[in-house]
Every structure is written in C-alpha cells, then in structure tokens.
Amino acid sequence: MAKEFSFEIMEEIAVLSENAKGWKKELNLVSWNGNPPKFDLRDWDSEHEKMGKGLTLSNEEVKGLKQALAAIDI
C-alpha cells in the first residue's frame, strides 16, 4: 500500500525539456511532507499534479554538482 505524502513547489527554477506528451523535466525547490525545501529534478505533467521519478538534492549536494558540471568541457 502506497504511503500518502504531500508536496509544495516553493520555487520553479528551470524547465530543462518537454516531451511530446507535454511533460516537462523541471528543476524546482520542493517541500516534501512539510519539510524544508530541497532542490528537485523530475518530470511533471502540465498541472503539477502527476510526477515521474526524480532526484532530490540538498544545498550541499547542489554545490558539489555545480562544481562537477563546471569542470565538464561540453
């Protein structure tokens, strides 16, 4: 049985892509179950009612990711 949970998108930071069905891969600040917001990267439907699997990162993890991405030569 699935556990109930709540979420609130506190800040919409960026839309990274959109698929043919209208779902968008977004980077947002999200509060899960009333906890302090964390950076969240996942696919969302257009109404932010349905979501795909995603990745949630703390401030420290985002700092590390930012440094790693800066070192990549694309």
PDB file of N, CA and C in Angstrom:
ATOM      1  N   MET A   1       0.844  -1.188   0.000  1.00  0.00           N
ATOM      2  CA  MET A   1       0.000   0.000   0.000  1.00  0.00           C
ATOM      3  C   MET A   1       0.888   1.250   0.000  1.00  0.00           C
ATOM      4  N   ALA A   2       0.618   2.172  -0.883  1.00  0.00           N
ATOM      5  CA  ALA A   2       1.432   3.373  -1.020  1.00  0.00           C
ATOM      6  C   ALA A   2       1.178   4.330   0.149  1.00  0.00           C
ATOM      7  N   LYS A   3       2.274   4.921   0.635  1.00  0.00           N
ATOM      8  CA  LYS A   3       2.156   5.925   1.692  1.00  0.00           C
ATOM      9  C   LYS A   3       1.659   7.240   1.103  1.00  0.00           C
ATOM     10  N   GLU A   4       0.866   7.944   1.882  1.00  0.00           N
ATOM     11  CA  GLU A   4       0.421   9.272   1.482  1.00  0.00           C
ATOM     12  C   GLU A   4       1.570  10.252   1.719  1.00  0.00           C
ATOM     13  N   PHE A   5       1.676  11.247   0.858  1.00  0.00           N
ATOM     14  CA  PHE A   5       2.688  12.281   1.030  1.00  0.00           C
ATOM     15  C   PHE A   5       2.138  13.591   0.487  1.00  0.00           C
ATOM     16  N   SER A   6       2.775  14.665   0.885  1.00  0.00           N
ATOM     17  CA  SER A   6       2.385  15.977   0.391  1.00  0.00           C
ATOM     18  C   SER A   6       3.615  16.677  -0.169  1.00  0.00           C
ATOM     19  N   PHE A   7       3.372  17.608  -1.062  1.00  0.00           N
ATOM     20  CA  PHE A   7       4.463  18.401  -1.614  1.00  0.00           C
ATOM     21  C   PHE A   7       3.961  19.786  -1.948  1.00  0.00           C
ATOM     22  N   GLU A   8       4.873  20.729  -1.927  1.00  0.00           N
ATOM     23  CA  GLU A   8       4.564  22.090  -2.354  1.00  0.00           C
ATOM     24  C   GLU A   8       5.767  22.606  -3.119  1.00  0.00           C
ATOM     25  N   ILE A   9       5.539  23.015  -4.360  1.00  0.00           N
ATOM     26  CA  ILE A   9       6.612  23.611  -5.143  1.00  0.00           C
ATOM     27  C   ILE A   9       6.770  25.044  -4.653  1.00  0.00           C
ATOM     28  N   MET A  10       7.894  25.305  -4.012  1.00  0.00           N
ATOM     29  CA  MET A  10       8.145  26.617  -3.425  1.00  0.00           C
ATOM     30  C   MET A  10       8.676  27.621  -4.463  1.00  0.00           C
ATOM     31  N   GLU A  11       9.470  27.090  -5.415  1.00  0.00           N
ATOM     32  CA  GLU A  11      10.029  27.947  -6.464  1.00  0.00           C
ATOM     33  C   GLU A  11      10.277  27.112  -7.708  1.00  0.00           C
ATOM     34  N   GLU A  12       9.800  27.603  -8.830  1.00  0.00           N
ATOM     35  CA  GLU A  12      10.076  26.972 -10.120  1.00  0.00           C
ATOM     36  C   GLU A  12      11.335  27.620 -10.674  1.00  0.00           C
ATOM     37  N   ILE A  13      12.408  26.834 -10.781  1.00  0.00           N
ATOM     38  CA  ILE A  13      13.710  27.383 -11.166  1.00  0.00           C
ATOM     39  C   ILE A  13      13.932  27.315 -12.672  1.00  0.00           C
ATOM     40  N   ALA A  14      13.718  26.136 -13.286  1.00  0.00           N
ATOM     41  CA  ALA A  14      14.001  25.999 -14.719  1.00  0.00           C
ATOM     42  C   ALA A  14      13.240  24.818 -15.308  1.00  0.00           C
ATOM     43  N   VAL A  15      12.834  24.980 -16.560  1.00  0.00           N
ATOM     44  CA  VAL A  15      12.306  23.872 -17.362  1.00  0.00           C
ATOM     45  C   VAL A  15      13.444  23.476 -18.295  1.00  0.00           C
ATOM     46  N   LEU A  16      13.898  22.214 -18.193  1.00  0.00           N
ATOM     47  CA  LEU A  16      15.035  21.762 -18.974  1.00  0.00           C
ATOM     48  C   LEU A  16      14.631  21.151 -20.308  1.00  0.00           C
ATOM     49  N   SER A  17      13.450  20.541 -20.372  1.00  0.00           N
ATOM     50  CA  SER A  17      12.973  19.949 -21.621  1.00  0.00           C
ATOM     51  C   SER A  17      11.488  19.661 -21.497  1.00  0.00           C
ATOM     52  N   GLU A  18      10.880  19.362 -22.649  1.00  0.00           N
ATOM     53  CA  GLU A  18       9.466  18.975 -22.688  1.00  0.00           C
ATOM     54  C   GLU A  18       9.317  17.849 -23.697  1.00  0.00           C
ATOM     55  N   ASN A  19       8.562  16.810 -23.319  1.00  0.00           N
ATOM     56  CA  ASN A  19       8.371  15.698 -24.249  1.00  0.00           C
ATOM     57  C   ASN A  19       7.099  15.888 -25.070  1.00  0.00           C
ATOM     58  N   ALA A  20       6.846  14.975 -25.994  1.00  0.00           N
ATOM     59  CA  ALA A  20       5.708  15.086 -26.906  1.00  0.00           C
ATOM     60  C   ALA A  20       4.355  15.056 -26.192  1.00  0.00           C
ATOM     61  N   LYS A  21       4.308  14.472 -25.002  1.00  0.00           N
ATOM     62  CA  LYS A  21       3.058  14.398 -24.247  1.00  0.00           C
ATOM     63  C   LYS A  21       2.842  15.612 -23.340  1.00  0.00           C
ATOM     64  N   GLY A  22       3.763  16.578 -23.373  1.00  0.00           N
ATOM     65  CA  GLY A  22       3.624  17.797 -22.591  1.00  0.00           C
ATOM     66  C   GLY A  22       4.248  17.749 -21.205  1.00  0.00           C
ATOM     67  N   TRP A  23       4.844  16.613 -20.837  1.00  0.00           N
ATOM     68  CA  TRP A  23       5.525  16.529 -19.553  1.00  0.00           C
ATOM     69  C   TRP A  23       6.843  17.285 -19.651  1.00  0.00           C
ATOM     70  N   LYS A  24       7.201  17.994 -18.558  1.00  0.00           N
ATOM     71  CA  LYS A  24       8.414  18.813 -18.555  1.00  0.00           C
ATOM     72  C   LYS A  24       9.377  18.331 -17.484  1.00  0.00           C
ATOM     73  N   LYS A  25      10.656  18.266 -17.856  1.00  0.00           N
ATOM     74  CA  LYS A  25      11.704  17.991 -16.875  1.00  0.00           C
ATOM     75  C   LYS A  25      12.067  19.335 -16.248  1.00  0.00           C
ATOM     76  N   GLU A  26      11.842  19.437 -14.937  1.00  0.00           N
ATOM     77  CA  GLU A  26      11.988  20.724 -14.252  1.00  0.00           C
ATOM     78  C   GLU A  26      12.939  20.625 -13.064  1.00  0.00           C
ATOM     79  N   LEU A  27      13.608  21.741 -12.798  1.00  0.00           N
ATOM     80  CA  LEU A  27      14.365  21.913 -11.571  1.00  0.00           C
ATOM     81  C   LEU A  27      13.572  22.889 -10.713  1.00  0.00           C
ATOM     82  N   ASN A  28      13.160  22.431  -9.529  1.00  0.00           N
ATOM     83  CA  ASN A  28      12.340  23.238  -8.625  1.00  0.00           C
ATOM     84  C   ASN A  28      12.860  23.114  -7.202  1.00  0.00           C
ATOM     85  N   LEU A  29      12.438  24.029  -6.350  1.00  0.00           N
ATOM     86  CA  LEU A  29      12.605  23.885  -4.898  1.00  0.00           C
ATOM     87  C   LEU A  29      11.278  23.338  -4.385  1.00  0.00           C
ATOM     88  N   VAL A  30      11.314  22.153  -3.778  1.00  0.00           N
ATOM     89  CA  VAL A  30      10.087  21.487  -3.350  1.00  0.00           C
ATOM     90  C   VAL A  30      10.167  21.125  -1.869  1.00  0.00           C
ATOM     91  N   SER A  31       9.090  21.409  -1.145  1.00  0.00           N
ATOM     92  CA  SER A  31       8.939  20.972   0.238  1.00  0.00           C
ATOM     93  C   SER A  31       8.140  19.676   0.218  1.00  0.00           C
ATOM     94  N   TRP A  32       8.730  18.595   0.715  1.00  0.00           N
ATOM     95  CA  TRP A  32       8.067  17.293   0.789  1.00  0.00           C
ATOM     96  C   TRP A  32       7.597  17.059   2.213  1.00  0.00           C
ATOM     97  N   ASN A  33       6.325  16.775   2.393  1.00  0.00           N
ATOM     98  CA  ASN A  33       5.742  16.459   3.708  1.00  0.00           C
ATOM     99  C   ASN A  33       6.009  17.543   4.740  1.00  0.00           C
ATOM    100  N   GLY A  34       5.995  18.806   4.301  1.00  0.00           N
ATOM    101  CA  GLY A  34       6.165  19.928   5.217  1.00  0.00           C
ATOM    102  C   GLY A  34       7.593  20.174   5.663  1.00  0.00           C
ATOM    103  N   ASN A  35       8.553  19.445   5.113  1.00  0.00           N
ATOM    104  CA  ASN A  35       9.965  19.630   5.466  1.00  0.00           C
ATOM    105  C   ASN A  35      10.553  20.818   4.711  1.00  0.00           C
ATOM    106  N   PRO A  36      11.727  21.299   5.148  1.00  0.00           N
ATOM    107  CA  PRO A  36      12.374  22.395   4.412  1.00  0.00           C
ATOM    108  C   PRO A  36      12.567  22.012   2.946  1.00  0.00           C
ATOM    109  N   PRO A  37      12.444  22.993   2.047  1.00  0.00           N
ATOM    110  CA  PRO A  37      12.545  22.685   0.620  1.00  0.00           C
ATOM    111  C   PRO A  37      13.940  22.218   0.218  1.00  0.00           C
ATOM    112  N   LYS A  38      13.961  21.336  -0.793  1.00  0.00           N
ATOM    113  CA  LYS A  38      15.200  20.849  -1.383  1.00  0.00           C
ATOM    114  C   LYS A  38      15.095  21.016  -2.891  1.00  0.00           C
ATOM    115  N   PHE A  39      16.250  21.007  -3.543  1.00  0.00           N
ATOM    116  CA  PHE A  39      16.266  21.054  -4.996  1.00  0.00           C
ATOM    117  C   PHE A  39      15.736  19.728  -5.519  1.00  0.00           C
ATOM    118  N   ASP A  40      14.896  19.781  -6.537  1.00  0.00           N
ATOM    119  CA  ASP A  40      14.224  18.592  -7.040  1.00  0.00           C
ATOM    120  C   ASP A  40      14.239  18.621  -8.562  1.00  0.00           C
ATOM    121  N   LEU A  41      14.705  17.531  -9.160  1.00  0.00           N
ATOM    122  CA  LEU A  41      14.765  17.406 -10.613  1.00  0.00           C
ATOM    123  C   LEU A  41      13.932  16.197 -11.018  1.00  0.00           C
ATOM    124  N   ARG A  42      12.842  16.445 -11.773  1.00  0.00           N
ATOM    125  CA  ARG A  42      11.964  15.350 -12.197  1.00  0.00           C
ATOM    126  C   ARG A  42      11.029  15.833 -13.302  1.00  0.00           C
ATOM    127  N   ASP A  43      10.320  14.871 -13.918  1.00  0.00           N
ATOM    128  CA  ASP A  43       9.300  15.172 -14.922  1.00  0.00           C
ATOM    129  C   ASP A  43       7.978  15.460 -14.219  1.00  0.00           C
ATOM    130  N   TRP A  44       7.268  16.467 -14.725  1.00  0.00           N
ATOM    131  CA  TRP A  44       5.958  16.856 -14.201  1.00  0.00           C
ATOM    132  C   TRP A  44       4.969  16.987 -15.345  1.00  0.00           C
ATOM    133  N   ASP A  45       3.699  16.678 -15.070  1.00  0.00           N
ATOM    134  CA  ASP A  45       2.660  16.978 -16.051  1.00  0.00           C
ATOM    135  C   ASP A  45       2.418  18.486 -16.046  1.00  0.00           C
ATOM    136  N   SER A  46       1.615  18.955 -16.966  1.00  0.00           N
ATOM    137  CA  SER A  46       1.431  20.406 -17.124  1.00  0.00           C
ATOM    138  C   SER A  46       0.766  21.076 -15.928  1.00  0.00           C
ATOM    139  N   GLU A  47       0.021  20.318 -15.124  1.00  0.00           N
ATOM    140  CA  GLU A  47      -0.685  20.895 -13.972  1.00  0.00           C
ATOM    141  C   GLU A  47       0.040  20.673 -12.644  1.00  0.00           C
ATOM    142  N   HIS A  48       1.223  20.056 -12.691  1.00  0.00           N
ATOM    143  CA  HIS A  48       1.974  19.699 -11.477  1.00  0.00           C
ATOM    144  C   HIS A  48       1.141  18.824 -10.530  1.00  0.00           C
ATOM    145  N   GLU A  49       0.318  17.959 -11.112  1.00  0.00           N
ATOM    146  CA  GLU A  49      -0.468  17.012 -10.306  1.00  0.00           C
ATOM    147  C   GLU A  49       0.145  15.619 -10.335  1.00  0.00           C
ATOM    148  N   LYS A  50       0.762  15.265 -11.460  1.00  0.00           N
ATOM    149  CA  LYS A  50       1.418  13.967 -11.607  1.00  0.00           C
ATOM    150  C   LYS A  50       2.899  14.200 -11.836  1.00  0.00           C
ATOM    151  N   MET A  51       3.701  13.250 -11.331  1.00  0.00           N
ATOM    152  CA  MET A  51       5.145  13.399 -11.445  1.00  0.00           C
ATOM    153  C   MET A  51       5.791  12.065 -11.766  1.00  0.00           C
ATOM    154  N   GLY A  52       6.964  12.152 -12.371  1.00  0.00           N
ATOM    155  CA  GLY A  52       7.767  10.963 -12.612  1.00  0.00           C
ATOM    156  C   GLY A  52       8.781  10.797 -11.497  1.00  0.00           C
ATOM    157  N   LYS A  53       9.570   9.735 -11.596  1.00  0.00           N
ATOM    158  CA  LYS A  53      10.642   9.546 -10.626  1.00  0.00           C
ATOM    159  C   LYS A  53      11.635  10.680 -10.777  1.00  0.00           C
ATOM    160  N   GLY A  54      12.235  11.061  -9.672  1.00  0.00           N
ATOM    161  CA  GLY A  54      13.148  12.185  -9.725  1.00  0.00           C
ATOM    162  C   GLY A  54      14.289  12.060  -8.751  1.00  0.00           C
ATOM    163  N   LEU A  55      14.983  13.156  -8.607  1.00  0.00           N
ATOM    164  CA  LEU A  55      16.162  13.247  -7.767  1.00  0.00           C
ATOM    165  C   LEU A  55      16.025  14.487  -6.890  1.00  0.00           C
ATOM    166  N   THR A  56      16.205  14.322  -5.597  1.00  0.00           N
ATOM    167  CA  THR A  56      16.135  15.431  -4.649  1.00  0.00           C
ATOM    168  C   THR A  56      17.517  15.654  -4.070  1.00  0.00           C
ATOM    169  N   LEU A  57      17.965  16.914  -4.053  1.00  0.00           N
ATOM    170  CA  LEU A  57      19.317  17.249  -3.619  1.00  0.00           C
ATOM    171  C   LEU A  57      19.303  18.333  -2.539  1.00  0.00           C
ATOM    172  N   SER A  58      20.182  18.181  -1.567  1.00  0.00           N
ATOM    173  CA  SER A  58      20.370  19.214  -0.539  1.00  0.00           C
ATOM    174  C   SER A  58      21.187  20.364  -1.133  1.00  0.00           C
ATOM    175  N   ASN A  59      21.294  21.452  -0.405  1.00  0.00           N
ATOM    176  CA  ASN A  59      22.113  22.582  -0.849  1.00  0.00           C
ATOM    177  C   ASN A  59      23.559  22.150  -1.078  1.00  0.00           C
ATOM    178  N   GLU A  60      24.115  21.354  -0.170  1.00  0.00           N
ATOM    179  CA  GLU A  60      25.499  20.891  -0.301  1.00  0.00           C
ATOM    180  C   GLU A  60      25.675  20.013  -1.537  1.00  0.00           C
ATOM    181  N   GLU A  61      24.704  19.157  -1.807  1.00  0.00           N
ATOM    182  CA  GLU A  61      24.782  18.301  -2.988  1.00  0.00           C
ATOM    183  C   GLU A  61      24.712  19.127  -4.275  1.00  0.00           C
ATOM    184  N   VAL A  62      23.898  20.174  -4.289  1.00  0.00           N
ATOM    185  CA  VAL A  62      23.809  21.047  -5.462  1.00  0.00           C
ATOM    186  C   VAL A  62      25.130  21.791  -5.658  1.00  0.00           C
ATOM    187  N   LYS A  63      25.755  22.214  -4.580  1.00  0.00           N
ATOM    188  CA  LYS A  63      27.068  22.877  -4.702  1.00  0.00           C
ATOM    189  C   LYS A  63      28.085  21.929  -5.326  1.00  0.00           C
ATOM    190  N   GLY A  64      28.100  20.677  -4.879  1.00  0.00           N
ATOM    191  CA  GLY A  64      29.006  19.692  -5.450  1.00  0.00           C
ATOM    192  C   GLY A  64      28.708  19.421  -6.913  1.00  0.00           C
ATOM    193  N   LEU A  65      27.425  19.323  -7.257  1.00  0.00           N
ATOM    194  CA  LEU A  65      27.035  19.112  -8.641  1.00  0.00           C
ATOM    195  C   LEU A  65      27.448  20.295  -9.505  1.00  0.00           C
ATOM    196  N   LYS A  66      27.265  21.497  -8.993  1.00  0.00           N
ATOM    197  CA  LYS A  66      27.640  22.700  -9.727  1.00  0.00           C
ATOM    198  C   LYS A  66      29.139  22.704 -10.041  1.00  0.00           C
ATOM    199  N   GLN A  67      29.948  22.326  -9.069  1.00  0.00           N
ATOM    200  CA  GLN A  67      31.399  22.249  -9.288  1.00  0.00           C
ATOM    201  C   GLN A  67      31.734  21.181 -10.316  1.00  0.00           C
ATOM    202  N   ALA A  68      31.090  20.041 -10.232  1.00  0.00           N
ATOM    203  CA  ALA A  68      31.360  18.949 -11.178  1.00  0.00           C
ATOM    204  C   ALA A  68      30.964  19.351 -12.598  1.00  0.00           C
ATOM    205  N   LEU A  69      29.819  20.010 -12.745  1.00  0.00           N
ATOM    206  CA  LEU A  69      29.373  20.432 -14.068  1.00  0.00           C
ATOM    207  C   LEU A  69      30.285  21.516 -14.654  1.00  0.00           C
ATOM    208  N   ALA A  70      30.799  22.398 -13.799  1.00  0.00           N
ATOM    209  CA  ALA A  70      31.700  23.443 -14.257  1.00  0.00           C
ATOM    210  C   ALA A  70      32.997  22.862 -14.829  1.00  0.00           C
ATOM    211  N   ALA A  71      33.378  21.678 -14.350  1.00  0.00           N
ATOM    212  CA  ALA A  71      34.624  21.048 -14.794  1.00  0.00           C
ATOM    213  C   ALA A  71      34.463  20.275 -16.096  1.00  0.00           C
ATOM    214  N   ILE A  72      33.224  20.086 -16.547  1.00  0.00           N
ATOM    215  CA  ILE A  72      32.971  19.321 -17.766  1.00  0.00           C
ATOM    216  C   ILE A  72      33.108  20.255 -18.976  1.00  0.00           C
ATOM    217  N   ASP A  73      33.849  19.804 -19.972  1.00  0.00           N
ATOM    218  CA  ASP A  73      34.017  20.584 -21.200  1.00  0.00           C
ATOM    219  C   ASP A  73      33.033  20.068 -22.249  1.00  0.00           C
ATOM    220  N   ILE A  74      31.925  20.773 -22.397  1.00  0.00           N
ATOM    221  CA  ILE A  74      30.898  20.360 -23.363  1.00  0.00           C
ATOM    222  C   ILE A  74      30.942  21.282 -24.562  1.00  0.00           C
TER     223      ILE A  74
END
